[in-house]
């Protein structure tokens, strides 16, 4: 139990260490868990790594949204007295 507690504490301390990098001449500082991809992210570059070697390493997952006919926008009208749909 003590080992797990120390491991969680170390990971928490690492998550609070600021990362500073220069992008296009601008110095940016952020926490490792708050990394933002302002200039794009290619999920297929370098393949997929399920087991990372560094903490807070970015991993990729291919997600595809398929079209569905479950939600369709239609024009409706309402009864002005009751407020119910006609």
PDB file of N, CA and C in Angstrom:
ATOM      1  N   UNK A   1       0.818  -1.198   0.000  1.00  0.00           N
ATOM      2  CA  UNK A   1       0.000   0.000   0.000  1.00  0.00           C
ATOM      3  C   UNK A   1       0.864   1.265   0.000  1.00  0.00           C
ATOM      4  N   UNK A   2       1.971   1.210   0.725  1.00  0.00           N
ATOM      5  CA  UNK A   2       2.865   2.367   0.774  1.00  0.00           C
ATOM      6  C   UNK A   2       3.488   2.607  -0.605  1.00  0.00           C
ATOM      7  N   UNK A   3       3.848   1.520  -1.303  1.00  0.00           N
ATOM      8  CA  UNK A   3       4.433   1.650  -2.636  1.00  0.00           C
ATOM      9  C   UNK A   3       3.470   2.357  -3.581  1.00  0.00           C
ATOM     10  N   UNK A   4       2.208   1.945  -3.571  1.00  0.00           N
ATOM     11  CA  UNK A   4       1.203   2.558  -4.432  1.00  0.00           C
ATOM     12  C   UNK A   4       1.022   4.036  -4.087  1.00  0.00           C
ATOM     13  N   UNK A   5       1.007   4.352  -2.808  1.00  0.00           N
ATOM     14  CA  UNK A   5       0.860   5.741  -2.375  1.00  0.00           C
ATOM     15  C   UNK A   5       2.026   6.591  -2.868  1.00  0.00           C
ATOM     16  N   UNK A   6       3.243   6.071  -2.738  1.00  0.00           N
ATOM     17  CA  UNK A   6       4.418   6.819  -3.189  1.00  0.00           C
ATOM     18  C   UNK A   6       4.424   6.985  -4.707  1.00  0.00           C
ATOM     19  N   UNK A   7       3.972   5.974  -5.426  1.00  0.00           N
ATOM     20  CA  UNK A   7       3.915   6.047  -6.893  1.00  0.00           C
ATOM     21  C   UNK A   7       2.893   7.100  -7.336  1.00  0.00           C
ATOM     22  N   UNK A   8       1.735   7.131  -6.684  1.00  0.00           N
ATOM     23  CA  UNK A   8       0.706   8.133  -7.011  1.00  0.00           C
ATOM     24  C   UNK A   8       1.207   9.524  -6.674  1.00  0.00           C
ATOM     25  N   UNK A   9       1.883   9.679  -5.543  1.00  0.00           N
ATOM     26  CA  UNK A   9       2.414  10.981  -5.142  1.00  0.00           C
ATOM     27  C   UNK A   9       3.435  11.476  -6.161  1.00  0.00           C
ATOM     28  N   UNK A  10       4.323  10.587  -6.617  1.00  0.00           N
ATOM     29  CA  UNK A  10       5.336  10.970  -7.605  1.00  0.00           C
ATOM     30  C   UNK A  10       4.688  11.389  -8.921  1.00  0.00           C
ATOM     31  N   UNK A  11       3.664  10.663  -9.342  1.00  0.00           N
ATOM     32  CA  UNK A  11       2.973  11.013 -10.589  1.00  0.00           C
ATOM     33  C   UNK A  11       2.260  12.362 -10.455  1.00  0.00           C
ATOM     34  N   UNK A  12       1.684  12.621  -9.291  1.00  0.00           N
ATOM     35  CA  UNK A  12       1.017  13.908  -9.053  1.00  0.00           C
ATOM     36  C   UNK A  12       2.033  15.052  -9.098  1.00  0.00           C
ATOM     37  N   UNK A  13       3.193  14.844  -8.480  1.00  0.00           N
ATOM     38  CA  UNK A  13       4.224  15.882  -8.504  1.00  0.00           C
ATOM     39  C   UNK A  13       4.716  16.129  -9.930  1.00  0.00           C
ATOM     40  N   UNK A  14       4.869  15.066 -10.717  1.00  0.00           N
ATOM     41  CA  UNK A  14       5.273  15.231 -12.115  1.00  0.00           C
ATOM     42  C   UNK A  14       4.220  15.977 -12.923  1.00  0.00           C
ATOM     43  N   UNK A  15       2.953  15.789 -12.602  1.00  0.00           N
ATOM     44  CA  UNK A  15       1.884  16.452 -13.345  1.00  0.00           C
ATOM     45  C   UNK A  15       1.825  17.945 -13.053  1.00  0.00           C
ATOM     46  N   UNK A  16       2.458  18.392 -11.976  1.00  0.00           N
ATOM     47  CA  UNK A  16       2.454  19.814 -11.623  1.00  0.00           C
ATOM     48  C   UNK A  16       3.717  20.542 -12.066  1.00  0.00           C
ATOM     49  N   UNK A  17       4.625  19.863 -12.758  1.00  0.00           N
ATOM     50  CA  UNK A  17       5.839  20.501 -13.263  1.00  0.00           C
ATOM     51  C   UNK A  17       5.544  21.115 -14.625  1.00  0.00           C
ATOM     52  N   UNK A  18       5.781  22.425 -14.750  1.00  0.00           N
ATOM     53  CA  UNK A  18       5.505  23.122 -16.005  1.00  0.00           C
ATOM     54  C   UNK A  18       6.485  22.700 -17.094  1.00  0.00           C
ATOM     55  N   UNK A  19       5.957  22.604 -18.309  1.00  0.00           N
ATOM     56  CA  UNK A  19       6.761  22.343 -19.494  1.00  0.00           C
ATOM     57  C   UNK A  19       6.833  23.646 -20.272  1.00  0.00           C
ATOM     58  N   UNK A  20       8.032  24.034 -20.664  1.00  0.00           N
ATOM     59  CA  UNK A  20       8.217  25.262 -21.429  1.00  0.00           C
ATOM     60  C   UNK A  20       8.848  24.897 -22.765  1.00  0.00           C
ATOM     61  N   UNK A  21       8.223  25.347 -23.843  1.00  0.00           N
ATOM     62  CA  UNK A  21       8.768  25.113 -25.175  1.00  0.00           C
ATOM     63  C   UNK A  21       8.497  26.315 -26.058  1.00  0.00           C
ATOM     64  N   UNK A  22       9.293  26.459 -27.103  1.00  0.00           N
ATOM     65  CA  UNK A  22       9.137  27.572 -28.039  1.00  0.00           C
ATOM     66  C   UNK A  22       8.522  27.041 -29.328  1.00  0.00           C
ATOM     67  N   UNK A  23       7.378  27.630 -29.698  1.00  0.00           N
ATOM     68  CA  UNK A  23       6.675  27.245 -30.920  1.00  0.00           C
ATOM     69  C   UNK A  23       6.491  28.498 -31.764  1.00  0.00           C
ATOM     70  N   UNK A  24       7.072  28.493 -32.955  1.00  0.00           N
ATOM     71  CA  UNK A  24       6.996  29.638 -33.878  1.00  0.00           C
ATOM     72  C   UNK A  24       7.470  30.935 -33.220  1.00  0.00           C
ATOM     73  N   UNK A  25       8.520  30.850 -32.407  1.00  0.00           N
ATOM     74  CA  UNK A  25       9.079  32.031 -31.763  1.00  0.00           C
ATOM     75  C   UNK A  25       8.346  32.480 -30.519  1.00  0.00           C
ATOM     76  N   UNK A  26       7.315  31.774 -30.116  1.00  0.00           N
ATOM     77  CA  UNK A  26       6.547  32.131 -28.924  1.00  0.00           C
ATOM     78  C   UNK A  26       6.838  31.100 -27.834  1.00  0.00           C
ATOM     79  N   UNK A  27       7.186  31.589 -26.642  1.00  0.00           N
ATOM     80  CA  UNK A  27       7.458  30.692 -25.525  1.00  0.00           C
ATOM     81  C   UNK A  27       6.131  30.328 -24.871  1.00  0.00           C
ATOM     82  N   UNK A  28       5.876  29.026 -24.766  1.00  0.00           N
ATOM     83  CA  UNK A  28       4.635  28.546 -24.174  1.00  0.00           C
ATOM     84  C   UNK A  28       4.958  27.710 -22.939  1.00  0.00           C
ATOM     85  N   UNK A  29       4.183  27.901 -21.879  1.00  0.00           N
ATOM     86  CA  UNK A  29       4.322  27.107 -20.662  1.00  0.00           C
ATOM     87  C   UNK A  29       2.988  26.461 -20.364  1.00  0.00           C
ATOM     88  N   UNK A  30       3.024  25.179 -20.023  1.00  0.00           N
ATOM     89  CA  UNK A  30       1.796  24.452 -19.727  1.00  0.00           C
ATOM     90  C   UNK A  30       2.123  23.245 -18.870  1.00  0.00           C
ATOM     91  N   UNK A  31       1.096  22.683 -18.266  1.00  0.00           N
ATOM     92  CA  UNK A  31       1.249  21.450 -17.513  1.00  0.00           C
ATOM     93  C   UNK A  31       1.173  20.287 -18.494  1.00  0.00           C
ATOM     94  N   UNK A  32       1.841  19.166 -18.198  1.00  0.00           N
ATOM     95  CA  UNK A  32       1.850  18.065 -19.165  1.00  0.00           C
ATOM     96  C   UNK A  32       0.462  17.518 -19.477  1.00  0.00           C
ATOM     97  N   UNK A  33      -0.467  17.607 -18.558  1.00  0.00           N
ATOM     98  CA  UNK A  33      -1.813  17.097 -18.800  1.00  0.00           C
ATOM     99  C   UNK A  33      -2.671  18.074 -19.586  1.00  0.00           C
ATOM    100  N   UNK A  34      -2.192  19.309 -19.795  1.00  0.00           N
ATOM    101  CA  UNK A  34      -2.956  20.330 -20.505  1.00  0.00           C
ATOM    102  C   UNK A  34      -2.401  20.620 -21.895  1.00  0.00           C
ATOM    103  N   UNK A  35      -1.639  19.705 -22.456  1.00  0.00           N
ATOM    104  CA  UNK A  35      -1.047  19.926 -23.778  1.00  0.00           C
ATOM    105  C   UNK A  35      -2.143  20.067 -24.829  1.00  0.00           C
ATOM    106  N   UNK A  36      -1.990  21.067 -25.692  1.00  0.00           N
ATOM    107  CA  UNK A  36      -2.965  21.346 -26.738  1.00  0.00           C
ATOM    108  C   UNK A  36      -2.251  21.275 -28.079  1.00  0.00           C
ATOM    109  N   UNK A  37      -2.923  20.727 -29.072  1.00  0.00           N
ATOM    110  CA  UNK A  37      -2.354  20.611 -30.407  1.00  0.00           C
ATOM    111  C   UNK A  37      -2.936  21.705 -31.281  1.00  0.00           C
ATOM    112  N   UNK A  38      -2.380  22.920 -31.175  1.00  0.00           N
ATOM    113  CA  UNK A  38      -2.884  24.054 -31.935  1.00  0.00           C
ATOM    114  C   UNK A  38      -2.528  23.955 -33.409  1.00  0.00           C
ATOM    115  N   UNK A  39      -1.510  23.200 -33.729  1.00  0.00           N
ATOM    116  CA  UNK A  39      -1.055  23.119 -35.116  1.00  0.00           C
ATOM    117  C   UNK A  39      -1.341  21.745 -35.711  1.00  0.00           C
ATOM    118  N   UNK A  40      -2.313  21.050 -35.156  1.00  0.00           N
ATOM    119  CA  UNK A  40      -2.716  19.764 -35.709  1.00  0.00           C
ATOM    120  C   UNK A  40      -2.057  18.586 -35.022  1.00  0.00           C
ATOM    121  N   UNK A  41      -2.647  17.438 -35.211  1.00  0.00           N
ATOM    122  CA  UNK A  41      -2.153  16.192 -34.637  1.00  0.00           C
ATOM    123  C   UNK A  41      -2.440  15.088 -35.632  1.00  0.00           C
ATOM    124  N   UNK A  42      -1.413  14.387 -36.043  1.00  0.00           N
ATOM    125  CA  UNK A  42      -1.580  13.286 -36.985  1.00  0.00           C
ATOM    126  C   UNK A  42      -1.627  11.989 -36.192  1.00  0.00           C
ATOM    127  N   UNK A  43      -2.807  11.361 -36.059  1.00  0.00           N
ATOM    128  CA  UNK A  43      -2.921  10.164 -35.236  1.00  0.00           C
ATOM    129  C   UNK A  43      -2.213   8.950 -35.824  1.00  0.00           C
ATOM    130  N   UNK A  44      -1.860   9.001 -37.105  1.00  0.00           N
ATOM    131  CA  UNK A  44      -1.221   7.845 -37.731  1.00  0.00           C
ATOM    132  C   UNK A  44       0.296   7.954 -37.793  1.00  0.00           C
ATOM    133  N   UNK A  45       0.848   9.104 -37.456  1.00  0.00           N
ATOM    134  CA  UNK A  45       2.299   9.276 -37.511  1.00  0.00           C
ATOM    135  C   UNK A  45       2.964   8.447 -36.414  1.00  0.00           C
ATOM    136  N   UNK A  46       3.873   7.582 -36.808  1.00  0.00           N
ATOM    137  CA  UNK A  46       4.596   6.789 -35.822  1.00  0.00           C
ATOM    138  C   UNK A  46       3.865   5.549 -35.359  1.00  0.00           C
ATOM    139  N   UNK A  47       2.655   5.310 -35.840  1.00  0.00           N
ATOM    140  CA  UNK A  47       1.914   4.111 -35.442  1.00  0.00           C
ATOM    141  C   UNK A  47       1.278   4.240 -34.072  1.00  0.00           C
ATOM    142  N   UNK A  48       0.853   3.122 -33.546  1.00  0.00           N
ATOM    143  CA  UNK A  48       0.141   3.098 -32.269  1.00  0.00           C
ATOM    144  C   UNK A  48       1.003   2.446 -31.201  1.00  0.00           C
ATOM    145  N   UNK A  49       1.145   3.104 -30.063  1.00  0.00           N
ATOM    146  CA  UNK A  49       1.869   2.555 -28.928  1.00  0.00           C
ATOM    147  C   UNK A  49       0.904   2.431 -27.766  1.00  0.00           C
ATOM    148  N   UNK A  50       0.605   1.216 -27.388  1.00  0.00           N
ATOM    149  CA  UNK A  50      -0.345   1.007 -26.294  1.00  0.00           C
ATOM    150  C   UNK A  50       0.320   1.158 -24.941  1.00  0.00           C
ATOM    151  N   UNK A  51       1.590   0.811 -24.851  1.00  0.00           N
ATOM    152  CA  UNK A  51       2.308   0.909 -23.580  1.00  0.00           C
ATOM    153  C   UNK A  51       3.345   2.010 -23.702  1.00  0.00           C
ATOM    154  N   UNK A  52       3.157   3.095 -22.987  1.00  0.00           N
ATOM    155  CA  UNK A  52       4.065   4.227 -23.088  1.00  0.00           C
ATOM    156  C   UNK A  52       5.225   4.065 -22.115  1.00  0.00           C
ATOM    157  N   UNK A  53       6.320   4.735 -22.413  1.00  0.00           N
ATOM    158  CA  UNK A  53       7.493   4.669 -21.555  1.00  0.00           C
ATOM    159  C   UNK A  53       7.633   5.901 -20.679  1.00  0.00           C
ATOM    160  N   UNK A  54       6.997   7.002 -21.078  1.00  0.00           N
ATOM    161  CA  UNK A  54       7.061   8.239 -20.302  1.00  0.00           C
ATOM    162  C   UNK A  54       5.675   8.565 -19.760  1.00  0.00           C
ATOM    163  N   UNK A  55       5.650   9.254 -18.618  1.00  0.00           N
ATOM    164  CA  UNK A  55       4.368   9.684 -18.069  1.00  0.00           C
ATOM    165  C   UNK A  55       3.772  10.771 -18.953  1.00  0.00           C
ATOM    166  N   UNK A  56       2.458  10.772 -19.065  1.00  0.00           N
ATOM    167  CA  UNK A  56       1.689  11.779 -19.807  1.00  0.00           C
ATOM    168  C   UNK A  56       2.034  11.780 -21.288  1.00  0.00           C
ATOM    169  N   UNK A  57       2.549  10.673 -21.807  1.00  0.00           N
ATOM    170  CA  UNK A  57       2.853  10.585 -23.226  1.00  0.00           C
ATOM    171  C   UNK A  57       1.541  10.503 -24.005  1.00  0.00           C
ATOM    172  N   UNK A  58       1.482  11.215 -25.097  1.00  0.00           N
ATOM    173  CA  UNK A  58       0.271  11.249 -25.909  1.00  0.00           C
ATOM    174  C   UNK A  58       0.140   9.931 -26.663  1.00  0.00           C
ATOM    175  N   UNK A  59      -1.047   9.366 -26.638  1.00  0.00           N
ATOM    176  CA  UNK A  59      -1.300   8.157 -27.410  1.00  0.00           C
ATOM    177  C   UNK A  59      -2.430   8.450 -28.384  1.00  0.00           C
ATOM    178  N   UNK A  60      -2.519   7.654 -29.416  1.00  0.00           N
ATOM    179  CA  UNK A  60      -3.525   7.909 -30.438  1.00  0.00           C
ATOM    180  C   UNK A  60      -4.524   6.767 -30.498  1.00  0.00           C
ATOM    181  N   UNK A  61      -5.686   7.133 -30.938  1.00  0.00           N
ATOM    182  CA  UNK A  61      -6.762   6.154 -31.094  1.00  0.00           C
ATOM    183  C   UNK A  61      -7.595   6.590 -32.294  1.00  0.00           C
ATOM    184  N   UNK A  62      -7.842   5.674 -33.201  1.00  0.00           N
ATOM    185  CA  UNK A  62      -8.611   6.004 -34.385  1.00  0.00           C
ATOM    186  C   UNK A  62     -10.095   5.923 -34.041  1.00  0.00           C
ATOM    187  N   UNK A  63     -10.801   7.009 -34.237  1.00  0.00           N
ATOM    188  CA  UNK A  63     -12.235   7.064 -33.968  1.00  0.00           C
ATOM    189  C   UNK A  63     -12.920   7.543 -35.230  1.00  0.00           C
ATOM    190  N   UNK A  64     -13.969   6.859 -35.604  1.00  0.00           N
ATOM    191  CA  UNK A  64     -14.697   7.248 -36.805  1.00  0.00           C
ATOM    192  C   UNK A  64     -16.180   7.344 -36.458  1.00  0.00           C
ATOM    193  N   UNK A  65     -16.797   8.429 -36.888  1.00  0.00           N
ATOM    194  CA  UNK A  65     -18.221   8.628 -36.644  1.00  0.00           C
ATOM    195  C   UNK A  65     -18.952   8.303 -37.935  1.00  0.00           C
ATOM    196  N   UNK A  66     -19.833   7.353 -37.858  1.00  0.00           N
ATOM    197  CA  UNK A  66     -20.586   6.945 -39.039  1.00  0.00           C
ATOM    198  C   UNK A  66     -21.919   7.681 -39.097  1.00  0.00           C
ATOM    199  N   UNK A  67     -22.394   7.985 -40.285  1.00  0.00           N
ATOM    200  CA  UNK A  67     -23.685   8.664 -40.388  1.00  0.00           C
ATOM    201  C   UNK A  67     -24.817   7.752 -39.912  1.00  0.00           C
ATOM    202  N   UNK A  68     -25.834   8.380 -39.377  1.00  0.00           N
ATOM    203  CA  UNK A  68     -26.967   7.613 -38.870  1.00  0.00           C
ATOM    204  C   UNK A  68     -28.260   8.326 -39.243  1.00  0.00           C
ATOM    205  N   UNK A  69     -29.347   7.599 -39.263  1.00  0.00           N
ATOM    206  CA  UNK A  69     -30.639   8.207 -39.562  1.00  0.00           C
ATOM    207  C   UNK A  69     -31.485   8.345 -38.302  1.00  0.00           C
ATOM    208  N   UNK A  70     -30.853   8.267 -37.129  1.00  0.00           N
ATOM    209  CA  UNK A  70     -31.612   8.321 -35.879  1.00  0.00           C
ATOM    210  C   UNK A  70     -32.057   9.733 -35.514  1.00  0.00           C
ATOM    211  N   UNK A  71     -31.328  10.745 -35.933  1.00  0.00           N
ATOM    212  CA  UNK A  71     -31.679  12.126 -35.609  1.00  0.00           C
ATOM    213  C   UNK A  71     -31.882  12.878 -36.916  1.00  0.00           C
ATOM    214  N   UNK A  72     -33.088  13.408 -37.095  1.00  0.00           N
ATOM    215  CA  UNK A  72     -33.393  14.138 -38.312  1.00  0.00           C
ATOM    216  C   UNK A  72     -34.101  15.428 -37.932  1.00  0.00           C
ATOM    217  N   UNK A  73     -33.605  16.532 -38.441  1.00  0.00           N
ATOM    218  CA  UNK A  73     -34.244  17.817 -38.174  1.00  0.00           C
ATOM    219  C   UNK A  73     -35.426  17.982 -39.123  1.00  0.00           C
ATOM    220  N   UNK A  74     -36.600  18.259 -38.553  1.00  0.00           N
ATOM    221  CA  UNK A  74     -37.799  18.473 -39.358  1.00  0.00           C
ATOM    222  C   UNK A  74     -38.483  19.750 -38.910  1.00  0.00           C
ATOM    223  N   UNK A  75     -39.171  20.354 -39.832  1.00  0.00           N
ATOM    224  CA  UNK A  75     -39.895  21.578 -39.514  1.00  0.00           C
ATOM    225  C   UNK A  75     -41.196  21.201 -38.802  1.00  0.00           C
ATOM    226  N   UNK A  76     -41.509  21.881 -37.709  1.00  0.00           N
ATOM    227  CA  UNK A  76     -42.734  21.607 -36.946  1.00  0.00           C
ATOM    228  C   UNK A  76     -43.492  22.907 -36.718  1.00  0.00           C
ATOM    229  N   UNK A  77     -44.744  22.768 -36.370  1.00  0.00           N
ATOM    230  CA  UNK A  77     -45.557  23.933 -36.002  1.00  0.00           C
ATOM    231  C   UNK A  77     -46.260  23.638 -34.684  1.00  0.00           C
ATOM    232  N   UNK A  78     -46.581  24.687 -33.943  1.00  0.00           N
ATOM    233  CA  UNK A  78     -47.149  24.553 -32.608  1.00  0.00           C
ATOM    234  C   UNK A  78     -48.484  25.277 -32.532  1.00  0.00           C
ATOM    235  N   UNK A  79     -49.374  24.735 -31.720  1.00  0.00           N
ATOM    236  CA  UNK A  79     -50.655  25.392 -31.437  1.00  0.00           C
ATOM    237  C   UNK A  79     -50.373  26.572 -30.513  1.00  0.00           C
ATOM    238  N   UNK A  80     -50.759  27.793 -30.918  1.00  0.00           N
ATOM    239  CA  UNK A  80     -50.449  28.973 -30.101  1.00  0.00           C
ATOM    240  C   UNK A  80     -51.178  28.984 -28.748  1.00  0.00           C
ATOM    241  N   UNK A  81     -52.292  28.286 -28.635  1.00  0.00           N
ATOM    242  CA  UNK A  81     -53.039  28.292 -27.375  1.00  0.00           C
ATOM    243  C   UNK A  81     -52.477  27.277 -26.374  1.00  0.00           C
ATOM    244  N   UNK A  82     -52.217  26.085 -26.827  1.00  0.00           N
ATOM    245  CA  UNK A  82     -51.763  25.034 -25.913  1.00  0.00           C
ATOM    246  C   UNK A  82     -50.243  24.901 -25.885  1.00  0.00           C
ATOM    247  N   UNK A  83     -49.564  25.349 -26.933  1.00  0.00           N
ATOM    248  CA  UNK A  83     -48.122  25.194 -27.011  1.00  0.00           C
ATOM    249  C   UNK A  83     -47.684  23.815 -27.435  1.00  0.00           C
ATOM    250  N   UNK A  84     -48.673  22.965 -27.776  1.00  0.00           N
ATOM    251  CA  UNK A  84     -48.352  21.597 -28.192  1.00  0.00           C
ATOM    252  C   UNK A  84     -48.041  21.555 -29.682  1.00  0.00           C
ATOM    253  N   UNK A  85     -47.274  20.542 -30.040  1.00  0.00           N
ATOM    254  CA  UNK A  85     -46.923  20.361 -31.435  1.00  0.00           C
ATOM    255  C   UNK A  85     -48.127  19.872 -32.204  1.00  0.00           C
ATOM    256  N   UNK A  86     -48.350  20.415 -33.404  1.00  0.00           N
ATOM    257  CA  UNK A  86     -49.472  19.994 -34.250  1.00  0.00           C
ATOM    258  C   UNK A  86     -49.110  18.782 -35.061  1.00  0.00           C
TER     259      UNK A  86
END
